[in-house]
N, C-alpha and C. Protein backbone atom coordinates (compact mmCIF):
# COMPACT_ATOMS: atom_id res chain seq x y z
N UNK A 1 33.27 34.19 -32.56
CA UNK A 1 31.97 34.19 -31.81
C UNK A 1 30.89 33.04 -32.37
N UNK A 2 32.05 32.38 -33.20
CA UNK A 2 31.40 31.03 -33.89
C UNK A 2 30.87 30.07 -32.67
N UNK A 3 31.23 30.03 -30.88
CA UNK A 3 30.96 29.26 -30.40
C UNK A 3 29.82 29.74 -29.74
N UNK A 4 29.72 30.47 -29.79
CA UNK A 4 28.99 31.47 -28.70
C UNK A 4 27.29 31.73 -29.68
N UNK A 5 27.19 31.86 -31.00
CA UNK A 5 26.62 32.10 -31.30
C UNK A 5 25.90 31.12 -32.47
N UNK A 6 27.09 30.20 -33.24
CA UNK A 6 26.39 29.85 -34.41
C UNK A 6 26.55 30.25 -35.50
N UNK A 7 27.63 31.02 -35.51
CA UNK A 7 27.60 32.38 -36.56
C UNK A 7 29.02 32.77 -36.79
N UNK A 8 29.67 32.26 -37.74
CA UNK A 8 30.92 32.53 -37.95
C UNK A 8 31.54 33.89 -39.17
N UNK A 9 32.44 34.70 -38.07
CA UNK A 9 32.33 35.57 -38.83
C UNK A 9 33.65 35.19 -40.00
N UNK A 10 34.05 34.31 -40.46
CA UNK A 10 34.18 33.70 -41.96
C UNK A 10 33.01 33.57 -42.91
N UNK A 11 32.08 33.25 -42.27
CA UNK A 11 31.41 33.24 -43.27
C UNK A 11 30.39 34.65 -43.96
N UNK A 12 30.99 35.41 -43.46
CA UNK A 12 30.20 36.82 -44.13
C UNK A 12 31.38 37.57 -44.21
N UNK A 13 32.61 37.03 -44.45
CA UNK A 13 34.24 38.15 -44.99
C UNK A 13 33.92 38.35 -46.38
N UNK A 14 33.92 37.60 -47.55
CA UNK A 14 33.39 37.66 -48.68
C UNK A 14 32.06 38.47 -48.78
N UNK A 15 31.23 38.21 -48.10
CA UNK A 15 29.85 39.32 -48.69
C UNK A 15 30.17 40.14 -48.25
N UNK A 16 31.03 41.06 -47.20
CA UNK A 16 31.03 42.36 -46.45
C UNK A 16 32.11 43.19 -47.10
N UNK A 17 32.97 42.97 -48.38
CA UNK A 17 33.82 43.51 -49.01
C UNK A 17 32.95 44.80 -49.03
N UNK A 18 31.96 44.55 -50.08
CA UNK A 18 31.13 45.42 -50.30
C UNK A 18 31.14 47.01 -49.39
N UNK A 19 30.85 46.99 -48.06
CA UNK A 19 30.42 47.44 -46.89
C UNK A 19 31.95 47.55 -46.64
N UNK A 20 32.82 46.70 -46.32
CA UNK A 20 33.70 46.85 -45.58
C UNK A 20 35.48 47.36 -46.04
N UNK A 21 34.87 47.56 -47.53
CA UNK A 21 36.32 47.98 -48.18
C UNK A 21 36.55 49.26 -47.93
N UNK A 22 37.70 50.22 -47.95
CA UNK A 22 38.55 51.10 -47.51
C UNK A 22 37.60 52.18 -48.80
N UNK A 23 37.70 51.46 -49.95
CA UNK A 23 37.06 52.27 -50.85
C UNK A 23 35.06 52.22 -51.27
N UNK A 24 35.09 51.79 -50.21
CA UNK A 24 33.74 51.71 -50.62
C UNK A 24 32.74 52.62 -49.09
N UNK A 25 33.65 53.12 -49.02
CA UNK A 25 33.50 54.62 -47.90
C UNK A 25 32.00 55.45 -48.40
N UNK A 26 30.93 55.36 -47.33
CA UNK A 26 29.58 55.89 -48.04
C UNK A 26 28.74 54.32 -48.82
N UNK A 27 29.32 53.04 -48.53
CA UNK A 27 28.39 52.29 -49.13
C UNK A 27 27.77 51.68 -48.87
N UNK A 28 27.26 51.90 -47.10
CA UNK A 28 27.10 50.48 -46.17
C UNK A 28 25.48 50.97 -46.36
N UNK A 29 24.45 49.91 -46.54
CA UNK A 29 23.07 49.82 -46.53
C UNK A 29 22.57 48.92 -45.15
N UNK A 30 21.96 49.45 -44.31
CA UNK A 30 21.82 48.85 -43.61
C UNK A 30 21.02 47.65 -43.91
N UNK A 31 19.67 47.50 -44.66
CA UNK A 31 18.70 46.90 -45.23
C UNK A 31 19.53 45.90 -46.17
N UNK A 32 20.25 45.86 -46.76
CA UNK A 32 21.42 44.51 -47.44
C UNK A 32 21.71 44.22 -45.97
N UNK A 33 23.01 45.31 -45.42
CA UNK A 33 23.23 44.23 -44.45
C UNK A 33 22.32 43.25 -43.55
N UNK A 34 21.35 43.61 -42.68
CA UNK A 34 20.65 42.94 -42.39
C UNK A 34 20.41 41.43 -43.40
N UNK A 35 19.76 41.93 -44.53
CA UNK A 35 19.32 40.63 -45.01
C UNK A 35 20.87 39.42 -45.55
N UNK A 36 21.82 40.37 -45.41
CA UNK A 36 23.10 39.44 -45.78
C UNK A 36 23.48 39.14 -44.30
N UNK A 37 23.30 39.09 -43.15
CA UNK A 37 23.58 39.13 -41.85
C UNK A 37 22.76 37.35 -41.74
N UNK A 38 20.97 38.23 -42.26
CA UNK A 38 20.55 36.95 -42.05
C UNK A 38 19.84 36.93 -40.98
N UNK A 39 20.01 38.25 -40.24
CA UNK A 39 19.47 38.37 -38.88
C UNK A 39 17.52 38.37 -38.34
N UNK A 40 17.04 38.49 -39.84
CA UNK A 40 15.43 38.42 -40.08
C UNK A 40 15.14 37.09 -39.43
N UNK A 41 15.77 35.73 -40.46
CA UNK A 41 15.70 34.41 -40.11
C UNK A 41 16.30 33.55 -39.37
N UNK A 42 17.40 34.51 -38.23
CA UNK A 42 17.93 33.74 -37.01
C UNK A 42 16.81 33.43 -35.75
N UNK A 43 16.86 33.09 -35.04
CA UNK A 43 15.80 32.95 -33.68
C UNK A 43 16.25 33.78 -32.71
N UNK A 44 15.17 34.46 -32.11
CA UNK A 44 15.11 35.59 -31.26
C UNK A 44 16.49 35.03 -30.16
N UNK A 45 16.73 33.94 -29.40
CA UNK A 45 18.35 33.59 -28.74
C UNK A 45 19.22 34.23 -29.63
N UNK A 46 19.20 33.61 -31.11
CA UNK A 46 20.71 33.79 -32.05
C UNK A 46 20.87 35.83 -32.31
N UNK A 47 19.86 36.44 -31.96
CA UNK A 47 19.97 37.64 -32.28
C UNK A 47 20.24 38.60 -30.87
N UNK A 48 19.75 38.22 -30.03
CA UNK A 48 20.18 38.50 -28.69
C UNK A 48 21.73 38.24 -28.42
N UNK A 49 21.94 36.82 -28.76
CA UNK A 49 23.79 36.43 -28.66
C UNK A 49 24.53 37.66 -29.43
N UNK A 50 24.17 38.17 -31.03
CA UNK A 50 24.81 39.06 -31.42
C UNK A 50 24.26 40.52 -31.11
N UNK A 51 23.64 40.57 -31.01
CA UNK A 51 23.18 41.97 -29.97
C UNK A 51 24.04 42.26 -28.27
N UNK A 52 25.05 41.14 -27.64
CA UNK A 52 25.53 40.90 -26.91
C UNK A 52 27.02 41.50 -27.12
N UNK A 53 27.64 40.60 -27.92
CA UNK A 53 28.65 41.04 -28.85
C UNK A 53 28.96 42.14 -28.92
N UNK A 54 28.00 42.79 -29.72
CA UNK A 54 27.83 44.22 -30.26
C UNK A 54 27.84 45.44 -29.44
N UNK A 55 27.22 44.88 -28.02
CA UNK A 55 27.07 45.60 -26.52
C UNK A 55 28.27 45.84 -26.42
N UNK A 56 29.04 46.68 -26.63
CA UNK A 56 30.59 46.04 -26.18
C UNK A 56 31.12 46.97 -24.91
N UNK A 57 30.41 48.09 -23.88
CA UNK A 57 30.30 48.04 -22.59
C UNK A 57 29.56 47.23 -22.15
N UNK A 58 28.63 46.59 -22.46
CA UNK A 58 27.19 45.81 -21.40
C UNK A 58 27.16 46.49 -20.60
N UNK A 59 26.30 47.56 -21.93
CA UNK A 59 25.46 48.16 -21.08
C UNK A 59 24.20 48.29 -21.12
N UNK A 60 23.73 46.97 -22.10
CA UNK A 60 22.41 46.62 -22.48
C UNK A 60 21.78 47.69 -23.91
N UNK A 61 22.44 48.52 -24.32
CA UNK A 61 22.26 49.34 -24.94
C UNK A 61 23.43 49.09 -26.21
N UNK A 62 23.12 49.24 -27.59
CA UNK A 62 24.08 49.44 -28.41
C UNK A 62 23.86 51.18 -28.83
N UNK A 63 24.85 52.03 -28.14
CA UNK A 63 24.98 53.03 -28.23
C UNK A 63 25.65 53.35 -29.80
N UNK A 64 25.43 54.66 -30.07
CA UNK A 64 26.27 55.06 -31.69
C UNK A 64 27.46 54.91 -31.98
N UNK A 65 28.26 55.28 -30.73
CA UNK A 65 29.75 55.39 -30.66
C UNK A 65 30.71 53.48 -31.03
N UNK A 66 29.46 52.11 -30.60
CA UNK A 66 29.61 50.98 -30.78
C UNK A 66 28.56 50.39 -32.27
N UNK A 67 28.31 51.33 -32.86
CA UNK A 67 27.65 50.94 -34.04
C UNK A 67 29.07 51.43 -35.26
N UNK A 68 29.43 52.46 -34.82
CA UNK A 68 30.85 53.16 -35.88
C UNK A 68 30.87 51.54 -36.53
N UNK A 69 31.17 50.89 -35.45
CA UNK A 69 32.03 49.46 -35.28
C UNK A 69 31.63 47.91 -35.57
N UNK A 70 30.70 48.57 -35.83
CA UNK A 70 29.69 47.41 -36.51
C UNK A 70 30.42 46.18 -37.37
N UNK A 71 30.89 46.69 -38.21
CA UNK A 71 31.36 45.95 -39.86
C UNK A 71 32.68 44.82 -39.20
N UNK A 72 33.13 45.62 -38.02
CA UNK A 72 34.33 45.27 -37.43
C UNK A 72 34.06 43.54 -36.14
N UNK A 73 32.88 44.15 -36.26
CA UNK A 73 32.61 42.45 -35.47
C UNK A 73 32.20 41.59 -36.07
N UNK A 74 31.86 41.66 -37.46
CA UNK A 74 31.55 40.56 -38.62
C UNK A 74 32.86 40.16 -39.37
N UNK A 75 33.61 40.94 -39.26
CA UNK A 75 34.82 40.70 -40.42
C UNK A 75 36.51 41.15 -39.71
N UNK A 76 37.11 40.99 -39.25
CA UNK A 76 38.42 41.62 -38.68
C UNK A 76 38.91 42.84 -39.37
N UNK A 77 38.66 42.55 -41.18
CA UNK A 77 38.84 43.73 -42.03
C UNK A 77 37.83 44.67 -42.25
N UNK A 78 37.10 44.51 -41.28
CA UNK A 78 35.91 45.54 -41.65
C UNK A 78 36.05 46.84 -41.31
N UNK A 79 35.39 47.89 -42.05
CA UNK A 79 35.75 49.41 -41.80
C UNK A 79 34.83 49.85 -41.13
N UNK A 80 35.50 51.01 -40.33
CA UNK A 80 34.10 51.70 -39.28
C UNK A 80 33.42 52.80 -39.93
N UNK A 81 31.82 52.83 -39.70
CA UNK A 81 31.07 53.28 -40.74
C UNK A 81 31.19 54.78 -40.25
N UNK A 82 31.09 55.43 -41.62
CA UNK A 82 30.62 56.72 -41.42
C UNK A 82 30.24 57.38 -40.70
N UNK A 83 30.17 58.54 -40.27
CA UNK A 83 29.10 59.45 -39.32
C UNK A 83 27.54 59.05 -39.70
N UNK A 84 27.51 59.46 -41.21
CA UNK A 84 26.02 59.30 -41.77
C UNK A 84 26.03 58.01 -41.80
N UNK A 85 26.63 56.78 -41.86
CA UNK A 85 26.34 55.72 -41.97
C UNK A 85 25.49 55.13 -40.94
N UNK A 86 26.13 55.34 -39.40
CA UNK A 86 26.21 55.40 -38.20
C UNK A 86 24.76 55.74 -37.33
N UNK A 87 24.84 56.64 -38.17
CA UNK A 87 23.49 57.48 -37.95
C UNK A 87 22.39 57.03 -38.24
N UNK A 88 22.42 56.56 -39.62
CA UNK A 88 20.95 55.89 -40.36
C UNK A 88 21.15 54.70 -39.88
N UNK A 89 21.83 53.81 -39.56
CA UNK A 89 21.69 52.78 -39.29
C UNK A 89 20.93 52.33 -37.78
N UNK A 90 21.61 53.82 -36.47
CA UNK A 90 21.53 54.27 -35.32
C UNK A 90 19.36 54.58 -35.28
N UNK A 91 19.11 55.10 -36.41
CA UNK A 91 17.95 55.42 -36.84
C UNK A 91 16.80 54.99 -37.02
N UNK A 92 17.42 53.13 -37.84
CA UNK A 92 16.49 52.27 -38.09
C UNK A 92 16.80 51.46 -36.86
N UNK A 93 17.22 51.36 -36.01
CA UNK A 93 17.25 50.17 -34.76
C UNK A 93 16.58 50.61 -33.61
N UNK A 94 16.82 52.40 -33.06
CA UNK A 94 16.18 52.75 -32.31
C UNK A 94 14.50 53.15 -32.26
N UNK A 95 14.02 52.03 -31.81
CA UNK A 95 12.67 51.40 -31.89
C UNK A 95 11.76 52.70 -30.70
N UNK A 96 12.76 53.26 -29.71
CA UNK A 96 11.63 54.32 -29.30
C UNK A 96 12.16 55.99 -28.83
N UNK A 97 13.41 56.15 -29.48
CA UNK A 97 13.84 56.97 -30.07
C UNK A 97 15.35 57.92 -28.94
N UNK A 98 15.57 57.11 -28.31
CA UNK A 98 16.41 57.19 -27.18
C UNK A 98 17.88 57.83 -27.32
N UNK A 99 18.08 57.27 -28.67
CA UNK A 99 19.41 57.55 -29.50
C UNK A 99 20.13 56.24 -29.26
N UNK A 100 19.57 55.05 -28.84
CA UNK A 100 20.22 53.87 -28.22
C UNK A 100 19.81 52.98 -28.87
N UNK A 101 20.25 51.31 -29.21
CA UNK A 101 19.29 50.66 -29.65
C UNK A 101 18.92 49.90 -28.54
N UNK A 102 17.78 49.32 -27.94
CA UNK A 102 17.90 48.13 -27.08
C UNK A 102 17.82 46.67 -27.59
N UNK A 103 18.08 45.51 -26.61
CA UNK A 103 17.76 43.92 -26.80
C UNK A 103 16.83 43.56 -27.09
N UNK A 104 15.50 44.19 -27.39
CA UNK A 104 14.44 44.32 -27.55
C UNK A 104 14.03 44.66 -28.76
């Protein structure tokens, strides 16, 4: 995704080991994740680009099933999030309580 977003997954691969290692199950902390990725410092355009990458089905929303694989969007070796981790991430991003995350 480097061409499209200016964000290279290789830049994050070492930092994501703490979250993506199979031995790190249940270690995902969405607050630390957003800090590591630097999404708060990204422009709104860059955040939307990342959103569209994670919105695999192009529905305009990131659903629970897509969130489960979010770490693989940043590094090919990323692990799947557990159901508990996925639900916590979804709750953090679901501003209107509809069970999915919108682009806004």
